[in-house]
Amino acid sequence: KDSALVKLAQRVNFTKHIQPICLPSNCSDLPANTPFYATGWGKIDCRYLAFTAKL
């Protein structure tokens, strides 16, 4: 249940590749084993300084 709020130095222009995300409300009750997707970029482990070549 981690989340982050990022303040950018400039506005972002949405494109077909850059879109806002939709977050579920706190009262969302998903059944066990409900599939979901998580996306991101950058480090996949905070113990290492290097970035992964393949995400």
N, C-alpha and C. Protein backbone atom coordinates (compact mmCIF):
# COMPACT_ATOMS: atom_id res chain seq x y z
N LYS A 1 0.82 -1.18 0.00
CA LYS A 1 0.00 0.00 0.00
C LYS A 1 0.87 1.25 0.00
N ASP A 2 1.97 1.20 -0.72
CA ASP A 2 2.84 2.36 -0.83
C ASP A 2 2.34 3.28 -1.93
N SER A 3 2.58 4.55 -1.76
CA SER A 3 2.27 5.52 -2.80
C SER A 3 3.25 6.67 -2.69
N ALA A 4 3.33 7.44 -3.74
CA ALA A 4 4.23 8.59 -3.75
C ALA A 4 3.58 9.72 -4.51
N LEU A 5 3.88 10.92 -4.11
CA LEU A 5 3.42 12.12 -4.80
C LEU A 5 4.66 12.85 -5.27
N VAL A 6 4.72 13.14 -6.56
CA VAL A 6 5.90 13.77 -7.14
C VAL A 6 5.51 15.13 -7.69
N LYS A 7 6.26 16.16 -7.32
CA LYS A 7 6.03 17.50 -7.86
C LYS A 7 7.07 17.73 -8.95
N LEU A 8 6.60 17.96 -10.17
CA LEU A 8 7.48 18.15 -11.31
C LEU A 8 7.83 19.62 -11.49
N ALA A 9 8.98 19.88 -12.09
CA ALA A 9 9.43 21.25 -12.33
C ALA A 9 8.62 21.92 -13.44
N GLN A 10 8.03 21.13 -14.32
CA GLN A 10 7.23 21.69 -15.41
C GLN A 10 6.05 20.77 -15.70
N ARG A 11 5.08 21.30 -16.44
CA ARG A 11 3.89 20.52 -16.79
C ARG A 11 4.25 19.35 -17.70
N VAL A 12 3.45 18.32 -17.63
CA VAL A 12 3.61 17.16 -18.50
C VAL A 12 2.52 17.21 -19.56
N ASN A 13 2.90 17.04 -20.80
CA ASN A 13 1.93 16.94 -21.89
C ASN A 13 1.57 15.48 -22.07
N PHE A 14 0.30 15.15 -21.87
CA PHE A 14 -0.13 13.77 -22.03
C PHE A 14 -0.12 13.38 -23.50
N THR A 15 0.36 12.18 -23.75
CA THR A 15 0.40 11.61 -25.09
C THR A 15 -0.15 10.20 -25.01
N LYS A 16 -0.08 9.46 -26.10
CA LYS A 16 -0.55 8.07 -26.03
C LYS A 16 0.39 7.22 -25.17
N HIS A 17 1.61 7.71 -24.90
CA HIS A 17 2.56 6.98 -24.08
C HIS A 17 2.68 7.54 -22.67
N ILE A 18 2.18 8.74 -22.44
CA ILE A 18 2.24 9.37 -21.12
C ILE A 18 0.82 9.68 -20.69
N GLN A 19 0.34 8.99 -19.66
CA GLN A 19 -1.02 9.14 -19.20
C GLN A 19 -1.06 9.11 -17.67
N PRO A 20 -2.04 9.76 -17.07
CA PRO A 20 -2.20 9.65 -15.61
C PRO A 20 -2.72 8.25 -15.26
N ILE A 21 -2.56 7.88 -14.03
CA ILE A 21 -3.06 6.58 -13.59
C ILE A 21 -4.37 6.76 -12.84
N CYS A 22 -5.15 5.72 -12.78
CA CYS A 22 -6.38 5.71 -12.00
C CYS A 22 -6.14 4.85 -10.77
N LEU A 23 -6.39 5.40 -9.61
CA LEU A 23 -6.20 4.67 -8.37
C LEU A 23 -7.54 4.21 -7.83
N PRO A 24 -7.59 3.02 -7.26
CA PRO A 24 -8.84 2.55 -6.67
C PRO A 24 -9.13 3.32 -5.38
N SER A 25 -10.39 3.40 -5.03
CA SER A 25 -10.75 4.07 -3.78
C SER A 25 -10.36 3.17 -2.61
N ASN A 26 -10.31 3.75 -1.42
CA ASN A 26 -9.95 2.98 -0.23
C ASN A 26 -10.94 1.87 0.06
N CYS A 27 -12.15 2.02 -0.42
CA CYS A 27 -13.15 1.01 -0.11
C CYS A 27 -13.20 -0.11 -1.14
N SER A 28 -12.25 -0.11 -2.08
CA SER A 28 -12.21 -1.19 -3.06
C SER A 28 -11.87 -2.50 -2.35
N ASP A 29 -12.67 -3.50 -2.58
CA ASP A 29 -12.47 -4.81 -1.96
C ASP A 29 -12.32 -5.83 -3.07
N LEU A 30 -11.08 -6.15 -3.42
CA LEU A 30 -10.83 -7.08 -4.51
C LEU A 30 -10.76 -8.50 -3.97
N PRO A 31 -11.32 -9.45 -4.70
CA PRO A 31 -11.24 -10.85 -4.29
C PRO A 31 -9.79 -11.33 -4.31
N ALA A 32 -9.50 -12.35 -3.53
CA ALA A 32 -8.16 -12.95 -3.54
C ALA A 32 -7.81 -13.41 -4.94
N ASN A 33 -6.55 -13.31 -5.29
CA ASN A 33 -6.00 -13.74 -6.58
C ASN A 33 -6.48 -12.89 -7.76
N THR A 34 -6.93 -11.67 -7.50
CA THR A 34 -7.30 -10.76 -8.58
C THR A 34 -6.04 -10.29 -9.29
N PRO A 35 -5.92 -10.49 -10.61
CA PRO A 35 -4.71 -10.03 -11.31
C PRO A 35 -4.66 -8.51 -11.40
N PHE A 36 -3.45 -7.97 -11.40
CA PHE A 36 -3.27 -6.53 -11.56
C PHE A 36 -1.92 -6.29 -12.21
N TYR A 37 -1.69 -5.07 -12.64
CA TYR A 37 -0.43 -4.71 -13.29
C TYR A 37 0.24 -3.59 -12.51
N ALA A 38 1.54 -3.67 -12.40
CA ALA A 38 2.34 -2.59 -11.81
C ALA A 38 3.42 -2.23 -12.82
N THR A 39 3.63 -0.95 -13.03
CA THR A 39 4.63 -0.52 -13.99
C THR A 39 5.55 0.51 -13.37
N GLY A 40 6.67 0.72 -13.99
CA GLY A 40 7.60 1.71 -13.49
C GLY A 40 8.89 1.66 -14.28
N TRP A 41 9.88 2.34 -13.78
CA TRP A 41 11.17 2.35 -14.44
C TRP A 41 12.23 2.64 -13.39
N GLY A 42 13.47 2.41 -13.76
CA GLY A 42 14.56 2.73 -12.85
C GLY A 42 15.01 1.52 -12.06
N LYS A 43 15.36 1.75 -10.81
CA LYS A 43 15.90 0.70 -9.96
C LYS A 43 14.81 -0.30 -9.60
N ILE A 44 15.21 -1.56 -9.54
CA ILE A 44 14.28 -2.59 -9.10
C ILE A 44 14.66 -3.11 -7.72
N ASP A 45 15.80 -2.63 -7.18
CA ASP A 45 16.24 -3.03 -5.85
C ASP A 45 17.05 -1.89 -5.26
N CYS A 46 16.66 -1.36 -4.13
CA CYS A 46 17.33 -0.19 -3.56
C CYS A 46 18.68 -0.53 -2.94
N ARG A 47 19.03 -1.82 -2.86
CA ARG A 47 20.32 -2.20 -2.28
C ARG A 47 21.48 -1.99 -3.25
N TYR A 48 21.19 -1.79 -4.52
CA TYR A 48 22.24 -1.66 -5.53
C TYR A 48 22.17 -0.28 -6.18
N LEU A 49 23.33 0.27 -6.53
CA LEU A 49 23.38 1.60 -7.14
C LEU A 49 23.09 1.57 -8.64
N ALA A 50 23.34 0.45 -9.29
CA ALA A 50 23.18 0.36 -10.75
C ALA A 50 21.71 0.18 -11.12
N PHE A 51 21.36 0.67 -12.29
CA PHE A 51 20.03 0.46 -12.85
C PHE A 51 20.05 -0.82 -13.68
N THR A 52 18.94 -1.49 -13.75
CA THR A 52 18.85 -2.70 -14.56
C THR A 52 18.82 -2.34 -16.04
N ALA A 53 19.42 -3.19 -16.87
CA ALA A 53 19.41 -2.96 -18.32
C ALA A 53 18.07 -3.37 -18.93
N LYS A 54 17.39 -4.30 -18.29
CA LYS A 54 16.11 -4.78 -18.80
C LYS A 54 15.08 -4.69 -17.69
N LEU A 55 13.96 -4.04 -17.98
CA LEU A 55 12.90 -3.91 -16.98
C LEU A 55 11.75 -4.81 -17.30
